[in-house]
Amino acid sequence: MSIFEDRVDAGRQLGRQLRKLRGQDIVVLGLPRGGVPVASEVAVALDAPLDVIVVRKLGLPYQPELAMGAIGEGGTRVLEQRVLAQSQISEKELEAVEARERAVLENRVVQFRKGRSRRDLTGRIAVIVDDGIATGSTARVACRIARRLGAARVVLAVPVAPADTLGALTEPDEVVCLATPRHFSAVGYHYRDFSPTEDEEVVQLLDAAARRVQDSAPWDRDDAADGGFAPAEFDGEVEIPSRGVRLQGQLHLPVPMRGVVLFAHGSGSSRHSPRNRFVAGVLQQAGLGTLLLDLLTPGEEHNRANVFDIELLARRLSSATDWLGTREDTASCRAGYLGASTGAGAALWAASEPVSRVSAVVSRGGRPDLAGPRLSAVRAPTLLIVGSLDYEVLELNRKAKSLMRCPNQLAVVQGATHLFEETGTLAAAAILARDWFMEYLDSAAETPTQT
């Protein structure tokens, strides 16, 4: 039975549970790869720096998902003697697995810390976060590494784990766990979405966290006495009214901000989508605000007809745009749309309205053709991003492009299929979107696209 929507949801719940640590001298440490999205949300909730402790599970040669131990940075190793005894693994087989995993570990240390030094743990509280615990091998190694690096106190925080495994842990000073199901089979069983976390997402989250810490300059109390205000960054859940329903969204507003991009998707939970959140992170790094929006309510999305009701989706996207115009912190910002799947058709439909205030549109693997005759009325510069292996959708995008009269481009990401699941392809699409929005939202004041 699912307990968490996805790793983001788990991280936010875990962050609320750890609030007592806010304001203390802490460093949040995620275990790559799956633990980093959880740790990222914890770090935001605690206003703390984020880093990683790189560990690798030593899986049985014939059953890799079952850990016979784990290794970590600095030569640390923990072995599960019970598993080794039952499996009758030889020392030579163990050494072969460890050598292979050690090479992967060292490569990831270089990749994840490229351009960044390790956070100093000396005398600080190390909060080690993973997306869940099964045997506890990697968690135990991570705690030992943190202790070796000088942490004064080690807190292990996870969303879910078996109670007997937690009870056997002696390495952490404190364990925080949200759920200990009686019937525990695997960590992923307790998530609705347990999609793999890619290396690119880990790097992106670490970069975003580094920027957040760097940009959070201390508040000058003398400025406040003179009537000034401390700079603020909004990041939270919002509700947006639209003709009798309330749309759920996740709004992120950096300071300073160059514009706001609204994410439109016709199905599923757009604000919890790992792909949307990854792309949003790339935009946020460039100083763009993001609104990840669910255009359908949970009850509506189960009706497939609603997913293709482009007029309904477009109307709700317009409502969200109007809502941004009522907020003091976004009223003067230029707005952009980023649509995926049928959401791309909705974005272009909304952009075709005579009163539309959108300044740029990007479609990622979308269906712009669903905007039909509205395409010729779109005035905002539009970028269509499609994977080279997404043959049918690529042809639909080419036809849609031929009907458009606004400034537009078709960008083909080589080697990508419809969901941009291939290594590096989602990052390539995100960079294309970022550059398009930076060009047209940042310069919109000088070269308006709407009349």
Protein backbone atom coordinates (compact mmCIF):
# COMPACT_ATOMS: atom_id res chain seq x y z
CA MET A 1 0.00 0.00 0.00
CA SER A 2 1.41 3.40 -0.99
CA ILE A 3 2.20 5.82 1.83
CA PHE A 4 3.95 8.53 -0.18
CA GLU A 5 3.10 10.12 -3.53
CA ASP A 6 6.77 10.27 -4.53
CA ARG A 7 10.17 11.20 -3.09
CA VAL A 8 9.30 14.90 -3.05
CA ASP A 9 6.19 14.24 -0.97
CA ALA A 10 8.19 12.00 1.37
CA GLY A 11 10.87 14.66 1.77
CA ARG A 12 8.37 17.34 2.67
CA GLN A 13 6.73 15.14 5.27
CA LEU A 14 10.13 14.23 6.68
CA GLY A 15 11.13 17.90 6.75
CA ARG A 16 8.09 18.74 8.88
CA GLN A 17 9.01 15.95 11.30
CA LEU A 18 12.54 17.35 11.63
CA ARG A 19 11.56 20.97 12.30
CA LYS A 20 13.09 20.84 15.78
CA LEU A 21 16.53 20.90 14.11
CA ARG A 22 15.88 24.14 12.21
CA GLY A 23 18.27 26.87 13.29
CA GLN A 24 20.92 24.43 14.55
CA ASP A 25 24.31 23.87 12.93
CA ILE A 26 23.32 21.06 10.58
CA VAL A 27 24.21 19.63 7.19
CA VAL A 28 21.70 17.47 5.32
CA LEU A 29 23.33 14.54 3.53
CA GLY A 30 21.44 12.59 0.88
CA LEU A 31 22.36 9.06 -0.18
CA PRO A 32 22.57 9.02 -4.00
CA ARG A 33 20.66 8.54 -5.99
CA GLY A 34 17.17 8.05 -4.63
CA GLY A 35 17.81 9.68 -1.28
CA VAL A 36 18.85 13.03 -2.75
CA PRO A 37 15.37 14.22 -3.88
CA VAL A 38 14.12 13.41 -0.36
CA ALA A 39 17.10 15.16 1.25
CA SER A 40 16.65 18.20 -0.99
CA GLU A 41 13.17 18.82 0.43
CA VAL A 42 14.45 18.28 3.97
CA ALA A 43 17.25 20.80 3.40
CA VAL A 44 14.75 23.39 2.14
CA ALA A 45 12.46 22.81 5.14
CA LEU A 46 15.35 23.18 7.58
CA ASP A 47 17.05 26.01 5.63
CA ALA A 48 20.23 23.93 5.71
CA PRO A 49 23.03 23.14 3.24
CA LEU A 50 22.77 19.93 1.20
CA ASP A 51 25.54 17.48 0.36
CA VAL A 52 25.86 13.78 -0.39
CA ILE A 53 27.53 10.81 1.21
CA VAL A 54 28.25 8.42 -1.64
CA VAL A 55 27.67 4.77 -0.75
CA ARG A 56 27.18 1.64 -2.83
CA LYS A 57 25.31 -1.50 -1.93
CA LEU A 58 27.18 -4.79 -2.37
CA GLY A 59 24.49 -6.96 -3.88
CA LEU A 60 24.64 -10.72 -4.15
CA PRO A 61 26.00 -11.76 -7.57
CA TYR A 62 22.85 -13.74 -8.38
CA GLN A 63 20.42 -11.39 -6.53
CA PRO A 64 21.78 -7.83 -6.77
CA GLU A 65 18.85 -6.24 -4.93
CA LEU A 66 19.74 -8.16 -1.74
CA ALA A 67 22.62 -6.50 0.09
CA MET A 68 25.45 -8.55 1.51
CA GLY A 69 27.08 -5.31 2.60
CA ALA A 70 27.88 -1.75 1.52
CA ILE A 71 30.89 0.48 0.89
CA GLY A 72 31.41 4.20 1.17
CA GLU A 73 33.86 7.02 0.68
CA GLY A 74 37.26 6.71 2.33
CA GLY A 75 37.35 2.91 2.18
CA THR A 76 34.52 2.35 4.66
CA ARG A 77 32.83 -1.06 4.45
CA VAL A 78 30.05 -2.87 6.31
CA LEU A 79 29.25 -6.54 5.72
CA GLU A 80 26.02 -8.38 6.49
CA GLN A 81 27.46 -11.53 8.03
CA ARG A 82 24.11 -13.32 8.18
CA VAL A 83 23.50 -12.82 4.44
CA LEU A 84 27.07 -13.89 3.61
CA ALA A 85 26.73 -17.06 5.68
CA GLN A 86 23.39 -18.04 4.18
CA SER A 87 24.47 -17.32 0.61
CA GLN A 88 27.89 -18.99 0.97
CA ILE A 89 29.59 -16.27 -1.08
CA SER A 90 33.34 -16.80 -1.38
CA GLU A 91 35.90 -14.14 -0.54
CA LYS A 92 36.85 -13.98 -4.22
CA GLU A 93 33.24 -13.34 -5.27
CA LEU A 94 32.91 -10.65 -2.60
CA GLU A 95 36.11 -8.95 -3.76
CA ALA A 96 34.90 -8.93 -7.37
CA VAL A 97 31.61 -7.27 -6.44
CA GLU A 98 33.37 -4.75 -4.21
CA ALA A 99 35.92 -3.84 -6.90
CA ARG A 100 33.16 -3.21 -9.41
CA GLU A 101 31.08 -1.13 -7.00
CA ARG A 102 34.14 0.78 -5.75
CA ALA A 103 34.85 1.95 -9.30
CA VAL A 104 31.26 3.18 -9.65
CA LEU A 105 31.46 4.88 -6.27
CA GLU A 106 34.66 6.79 -7.06
CA ASN A 107 33.23 7.91 -10.40
CA ARG A 108 30.11 9.26 -8.71
CA VAL A 109 32.12 11.09 -6.06
CA VAL A 110 33.86 12.98 -8.88
CA GLN A 111 30.62 13.56 -10.79
CA PHE A 112 28.50 14.76 -7.89
CA ARG A 113 31.18 16.98 -6.37
CA LYS A 114 32.49 18.47 -9.60
CA GLY A 115 33.17 22.13 -8.85
CA ARG A 116 32.07 21.77 -5.22
CA SER A 117 34.00 20.90 -2.11
CA ARG A 118 32.61 18.54 0.53
CA ARG A 119 30.65 20.26 3.29
CA ASP A 120 32.69 20.40 6.50
CA LEU A 121 31.02 18.24 9.17
CA THR A 122 33.41 19.02 12.00
CA GLY A 123 31.42 19.64 15.17
CA ARG A 124 28.13 19.79 13.28
CA ILE A 125 24.94 17.71 13.21
CA ALA A 126 24.86 15.40 10.19
CA VAL A 127 21.30 14.60 9.06
CA ILE A 128 21.59 11.56 6.77
CA VAL A 129 18.58 11.04 4.51
CA ASP A 130 17.56 8.17 2.24
CA ASP A 131 14.28 7.29 0.52
CA GLY A 132 13.91 4.26 2.77
CA ILE A 133 15.78 1.42 4.49
CA ALA A 134 15.59 -2.32 3.87
CA THR A 135 18.61 -4.10 5.36
CA GLY A 136 20.25 -0.92 6.67
CA SER A 137 23.71 -1.63 5.20
CA THR A 138 24.09 1.63 3.27
CA ALA A 139 22.67 3.66 6.15
CA ARG A 140 25.18 2.16 8.56
CA VAL A 141 28.09 2.91 6.22
CA ALA A 142 26.89 6.49 5.74
CA CYS A 143 26.67 7.06 9.50
CA ARG A 144 30.22 5.77 9.95
CA ILE A 145 31.51 8.07 7.22
CA ALA A 146 29.82 11.10 8.79
CA ARG A 147 31.34 10.23 12.14
CA ARG A 148 34.78 9.81 10.55
CA LEU A 149 34.42 13.25 8.94
CA GLY A 150 33.98 14.87 12.35
CA ALA A 151 30.20 15.06 12.85
CA ALA A 152 29.39 15.73 16.50
CA ARG A 153 25.98 14.07 16.17
CA VAL A 154 24.46 11.83 13.50
CA VAL A 155 20.73 11.77 12.80
CA LEU A 156 19.41 9.16 10.36
CA ALA A 157 16.11 10.24 8.76
CA VAL A 158 14.05 8.09 6.37
CA PRO A 159 10.42 7.99 5.27
CA VAL A 160 9.95 4.23 5.66
CA ALA A 161 11.78 1.19 7.07
CA PRO A 162 11.10 -2.13 8.84
CA ALA A 163 11.00 -1.76 12.60
CA ASP A 164 13.41 -4.63 13.29
CA THR A 165 16.07 -3.07 11.01
CA LEU A 166 15.77 0.27 12.80
CA GLY A 167 16.02 -1.43 16.17
CA ALA A 168 19.32 -3.07 15.18
CA LEU A 169 21.01 0.19 14.13
CA THR A 170 23.69 1.37 16.54
CA GLU A 171 25.59 3.82 14.33
CA PRO A 172 23.27 6.91 14.45
CA ASP A 173 22.64 8.93 17.60
CA GLU A 174 19.00 9.36 16.61
CA VAL A 175 16.69 7.75 14.05
CA VAL A 176 13.64 9.53 12.62
CA CYS A 177 11.30 7.38 10.53
CA LEU A 178 7.78 8.29 9.40
CA ALA A 179 6.44 4.78 8.84
CA THR A 180 7.36 1.25 9.93
CA PRO A 181 4.84 -0.99 8.13
CA ARG A 182 4.16 -4.35 9.72
CA HIS A 183 4.45 -6.10 6.37
CA PHE A 184 7.55 -4.61 4.75
CA SER A 185 8.58 -6.04 1.39
CA ALA A 186 10.57 -3.30 -0.39
CA VAL A 187 11.02 0.44 -0.12
CA GLY A 188 9.45 1.16 -3.51
CA TYR A 189 6.24 -0.65 -2.54
CA HIS A 190 5.37 2.25 -0.24
CA TYR A 191 5.60 4.93 -2.97
CA ARG A 192 3.02 5.63 -5.66
CA ASP A 193 5.81 6.90 -7.93
CA PHE A 194 9.22 5.33 -7.35
CA SER A 195 10.76 6.22 -10.71
CA PRO A 196 14.56 5.92 -10.86
CA THR A 197 16.56 9.02 -9.98
CA GLU A 198 19.13 9.86 -12.64
CA ASP A 199 22.63 11.24 -12.04
CA GLU A 200 21.66 14.48 -13.81
CA GLU A 201 18.85 15.06 -11.30
CA VAL A 202 21.23 14.56 -8.37
CA VAL A 203 23.67 17.11 -9.79
CA GLN A 204 20.82 19.53 -10.50
CA LEU A 205 19.50 19.30 -6.94
CA LEU A 206 22.96 19.83 -5.47
CA ASP A 207 23.54 22.85 -7.72
CA ALA A 208 20.18 24.33 -6.75
CA ALA A 209 20.90 23.81 -3.06
CA ALA A 210 24.33 25.44 -3.36
CA ARG A 211 22.75 28.45 -5.04
CA ARG A 212 20.05 28.67 -2.37
CA VAL A 213 22.64 28.76 0.40
CA GLN A 214 24.79 31.27 -1.49
CA ASP A 215 21.86 33.57 -2.21
CA SER A 216 20.49 33.54 1.34
CA ALA A 217 22.46 36.59 2.47
CA PRO A 218 22.04 37.59 6.13
CA TRP A 219 19.30 40.12 6.86
CA ASP A 220 20.64 43.47 7.93
CA ARG A 221 18.58 44.57 10.96
CA ASP A 222 19.64 48.18 10.39
CA ASP A 223 17.90 48.04 7.02
CA ALA A 224 14.74 46.86 8.75
CA ALA A 225 14.93 49.74 11.19
CA ASP A 226 15.05 52.10 8.23
CA GLY A 227 11.83 50.63 6.87
CA GLY A 228 13.40 48.06 4.50
CA PHE A 229 12.40 44.42 4.19
CA ALA A 230 14.45 41.25 4.18
CA PRO A 231 14.54 39.58 0.75
CA ALA A 232 12.23 36.57 0.63
CA GLU A 233 11.77 33.52 -1.58
CA PHE A 234 8.37 31.88 -1.80
CA ASP A 235 8.25 28.11 -2.23
CA GLY A 236 5.06 26.33 -1.33
CA GLU A 237 1.73 24.79 -2.20
CA VAL A 238 -0.98 27.09 -3.56
CA GLU A 239 -4.66 26.78 -4.48
CA ILE A 240 -6.04 28.60 -7.51
CA PRO A 241 -9.78 29.12 -8.07
CA SER A 242 -11.17 28.37 -11.53
CA ARG A 243 -14.93 28.25 -12.15
CA GLY A 244 -15.99 26.28 -9.12
CA VAL A 245 -12.88 24.13 -8.64
CA ARG A 246 -9.63 24.78 -6.83
CA LEU A 247 -6.49 23.84 -8.73
CA GLN A 248 -3.46 22.61 -6.81
CA GLY A 249 -0.05 24.03 -7.60
CA GLN A 250 3.53 24.33 -6.40
CA LEU A 251 4.84 27.90 -6.69
CA HIS A 252 8.53 28.78 -6.51
CA LEU A 253 9.60 32.43 -6.67
CA PRO A 254 13.36 33.17 -6.55
CA VAL A 255 14.82 36.56 -5.64
CA PRO A 256 15.53 38.33 -7.93
CA MET A 257 13.08 36.91 -10.48
CA ARG A 258 13.14 37.28 -14.27
CA GLY A 259 9.69 35.88 -15.03
CA VAL A 260 7.34 33.03 -14.13
CA VAL A 261 6.80 29.83 -16.12
CA LEU A 262 3.53 27.92 -15.72
CA PHE A 263 3.76 24.14 -16.31
CA ALA A 264 0.76 22.60 -18.09
CA HIS A 265 0.09 18.87 -18.31
CA GLY A 266 -3.18 17.26 -19.24
CA SER A 267 -2.98 14.18 -17.03
CA GLY A 268 -1.50 13.03 -13.76
CA SER A 269 -0.13 15.23 -11.00
CA SER A 270 1.98 17.82 -12.76
CA ARG A 271 3.27 19.37 -9.56
CA HIS A 272 4.67 16.04 -8.33
CA SER A 273 6.05 14.84 -11.67
CA PRO A 274 9.79 14.06 -11.31
CA ARG A 275 10.36 15.21 -14.91
CA ASN A 276 8.54 18.49 -14.40
CA ARG A 277 10.38 19.11 -11.15
CA PHE A 278 13.72 18.43 -12.82
CA VAL A 279 12.98 20.91 -15.62
CA ALA A 280 11.65 23.41 -13.08
CA GLY A 281 14.93 23.17 -11.17
CA VAL A 282 16.87 24.13 -14.29
CA LEU A 283 14.63 27.17 -14.81
CA GLN A 284 14.85 28.16 -11.14
CA GLN A 285 18.64 28.12 -11.32
CA ALA A 286 18.39 30.74 -14.06
CA GLY A 287 16.29 33.02 -11.84
CA LEU A 288 12.90 32.05 -13.27
CA GLY A 289 9.87 31.47 -11.09
CA THR A 290 7.86 28.30 -11.68
CA LEU A 291 4.25 27.24 -11.09
CA LEU A 292 3.78 23.48 -11.40
CA LEU A 293 0.06 23.17 -11.92
CA ASP A 294 -2.51 20.37 -11.84
CA LEU A 295 -5.06 21.38 -14.46
CA LEU A 296 -7.39 18.54 -13.44
CA THR A 297 -8.60 17.56 -9.99
CA PRO A 298 -7.83 14.01 -8.75
CA GLY A 299 -11.41 12.99 -9.53
CA GLU A 300 -11.35 14.46 -13.03
CA GLU A 301 -8.09 12.97 -14.23
CA HIS A 302 -9.47 9.43 -14.17
CA ASN A 303 -11.86 10.37 -16.98
CA ARG A 304 -9.74 10.11 -20.13
CA ALA A 305 -12.01 12.54 -21.96
CA ASN A 306 -10.94 15.35 -19.63
CA VAL A 307 -7.30 14.80 -20.59
CA PHE A 308 -8.19 15.74 -24.17
CA ASP A 309 -10.58 18.58 -23.31
CA ILE A 310 -8.16 21.21 -24.57
CA GLU A 311 -10.59 24.09 -24.11
CA LEU A 312 -11.13 23.15 -20.44
CA LEU A 313 -7.38 22.82 -19.80
CA ALA A 314 -6.67 26.12 -21.56
CA ARG A 315 -9.34 27.94 -19.58
CA ARG A 316 -7.83 26.74 -16.31
CA LEU A 317 -4.34 27.68 -17.43
CA SER A 318 -5.64 31.18 -18.18
CA SER A 319 -7.22 31.30 -14.71
CA ALA A 320 -3.86 30.49 -13.15
CA THR A 321 -2.19 33.21 -15.23
CA ASP A 322 -4.81 35.73 -14.10
CA TRP A 323 -4.29 34.59 -10.51
CA LEU A 324 -0.57 35.35 -10.76
CA GLY A 325 -1.55 38.84 -11.89
CA THR A 326 -3.40 39.37 -8.59
CA ARG A 327 -0.35 38.60 -6.43
CA GLU A 328 1.83 41.49 -5.42
CA ASP A 329 5.03 39.45 -5.93
CA THR A 330 4.14 38.28 -9.47
CA ALA A 331 1.79 40.95 -10.87
CA SER A 332 4.54 42.72 -12.82
CA CYS A 333 6.31 39.55 -14.03
CA ARG A 334 6.22 38.26 -17.59
CA ALA A 335 4.64 34.82 -17.88
CA GLY A 336 5.60 31.81 -19.98
CA TYR A 337 3.94 28.45 -20.59
CA LEU A 338 5.68 25.07 -20.65
CA GLY A 339 3.32 22.38 -21.90
CA ALA A 340 3.79 18.62 -22.10
CA SER A 341 1.55 16.07 -23.79
CA THR A 342 -1.99 17.49 -24.19
CA GLY A 343 -0.92 20.37 -21.93
CA ALA A 344 1.05 21.77 -24.87
CA GLY A 345 -2.16 22.07 -26.88
CA ALA A 346 -3.80 23.79 -23.92
CA ALA A 347 -0.87 26.20 -23.55
CA LEU A 348 -1.09 27.25 -27.18
CA TRP A 349 -4.88 27.54 -27.03
CA ALA A 350 -4.58 29.83 -23.99
CA ALA A 351 -1.79 31.81 -25.69
CA SER A 352 -4.06 32.40 -28.71
CA GLU A 353 -6.62 34.36 -26.69
CA PRO A 354 -6.66 38.09 -27.57
CA VAL A 355 -6.24 39.03 -23.90
CA SER A 356 -3.42 36.55 -23.25
CA ARG A 357 -0.47 38.01 -21.32
CA VAL A 358 1.90 35.13 -22.03
CA SER A 359 5.25 36.14 -23.51
CA ALA A 360 6.74 32.76 -24.52
CA VAL A 361 5.63 29.16 -24.95
CA VAL A 362 7.62 25.90 -24.89
CA SER A 363 6.22 22.48 -25.77
CA ARG A 364 8.16 19.43 -24.48
CA GLY A 365 7.13 16.23 -26.19
CA GLY A 366 3.74 17.88 -26.60
CA ARG A 367 0.72 17.82 -28.85
CA PRO A 368 0.53 21.36 -30.26
CA ASP A 369 -1.68 20.01 -33.05
CA LEU A 370 -4.52 19.74 -30.51
CA ALA A 371 -4.80 23.55 -30.53
CA GLY A 372 -6.12 23.14 -34.09
CA PRO A 373 -7.08 26.37 -35.87
CA ARG A 374 -5.98 28.36 -32.82
CA LEU A 375 -2.33 27.85 -33.79
CA SER A 376 -2.33 30.67 -36.34
CA ALA A 377 -3.57 33.12 -33.67
CA VAL A 378 -0.67 32.50 -31.24
CA ARG A 379 1.64 35.52 -31.05
CA ALA A 380 4.04 34.50 -28.30
CA PRO A 381 7.38 33.07 -29.53
CA THR A 382 7.05 29.29 -29.38
CA LEU A 383 9.65 26.51 -29.12
CA LEU A 384 8.64 22.94 -29.95
CA ILE A 385 10.96 20.32 -28.37
CA VAL A 386 10.61 16.72 -29.56
CA GLY A 387 12.73 13.58 -29.29
CA SER A 388 14.23 12.28 -32.53
CA LEU A 389 12.84 8.80 -31.78
CA ASP A 390 9.34 10.05 -31.00
CA TYR A 391 8.41 9.62 -34.65
CA GLU A 392 4.64 10.15 -34.62
CA VAL A 393 4.72 13.17 -32.29
CA LEU A 394 7.63 14.64 -34.26
CA GLU A 395 5.54 14.61 -37.43
CA LEU A 396 2.58 16.18 -35.61
CA ASN A 397 4.88 18.96 -34.36
CA ARG A 398 6.18 19.61 -37.87
CA LYS A 399 2.64 20.02 -39.16
CA ALA A 400 1.71 22.29 -36.25
CA LYS A 401 4.79 24.44 -36.87
CA SER A 402 3.73 25.00 -40.48
CA LEU A 403 0.45 26.53 -39.26
CA MET A 404 2.02 28.98 -36.80
CA ARG A 405 2.60 32.65 -37.64
CA CYS A 406 4.49 33.66 -34.51
CA PRO A 407 8.29 33.40 -34.14
CA ASN A 408 8.81 29.65 -33.68
CA GLN A 409 11.40 26.90 -33.78
CA LEU A 410 11.41 23.10 -33.75
CA ALA A 411 14.24 21.61 -31.65
CA VAL A 412 14.90 17.87 -32.00
CA VAL A 413 16.72 16.16 -29.13
CA GLN A 414 18.76 13.34 -30.63
CA GLY A 415 18.25 9.87 -29.17
CA ALA A 416 15.20 10.84 -27.12
CA THR A 417 11.86 9.03 -27.06
CA HIS A 418 8.56 10.55 -25.96
CA LEU A 419 9.32 10.84 -22.22
CA PHE A 420 12.99 11.86 -22.60
CA GLU A 421 14.01 8.90 -20.41
CA GLU A 422 17.37 8.35 -22.11
CA THR A 423 20.47 9.57 -20.28
CA GLY A 424 21.04 13.30 -20.75
CA THR A 425 18.01 13.90 -22.99
CA LEU A 426 15.78 15.47 -20.34
CA ALA A 427 18.63 17.77 -19.31
CA ALA A 428 19.08 18.78 -22.96
CA ALA A 429 15.37 19.58 -23.27
CA ALA A 430 15.44 21.57 -20.02
CA ILE A 431 18.38 23.67 -21.20
CA LEU A 432 16.61 24.42 -24.49
CA ALA A 433 13.52 25.55 -22.56
CA ARG A 434 15.58 27.63 -20.15
CA ASP A 435 17.38 29.47 -22.94
CA TRP A 436 14.10 30.18 -24.77
CA PHE A 437 12.45 31.62 -21.69
CA MET A 438 15.54 33.62 -20.77
CA GLU A 439 15.54 35.20 -24.22
CA TYR A 440 11.88 36.13 -24.35
CA LEU A 441 10.88 36.66 -20.72
CA ASP A 442 13.98 38.57 -19.72
CA SER A 443 13.91 40.81 -22.80
CA ALA A 444 10.14 41.07 -23.11
CA ALA A 445 10.07 44.55 -21.68
CA GLU A 446 12.15 45.78 -24.62
CA THR A 447 10.56 43.59 -27.32
CA PRO A 448 6.94 42.90 -26.42
CA THR A 449 5.36 39.93 -28.15
CA GLN A 450 1.71 40.78 -27.52
CA THR A 451 -0.40 43.63 -28.84
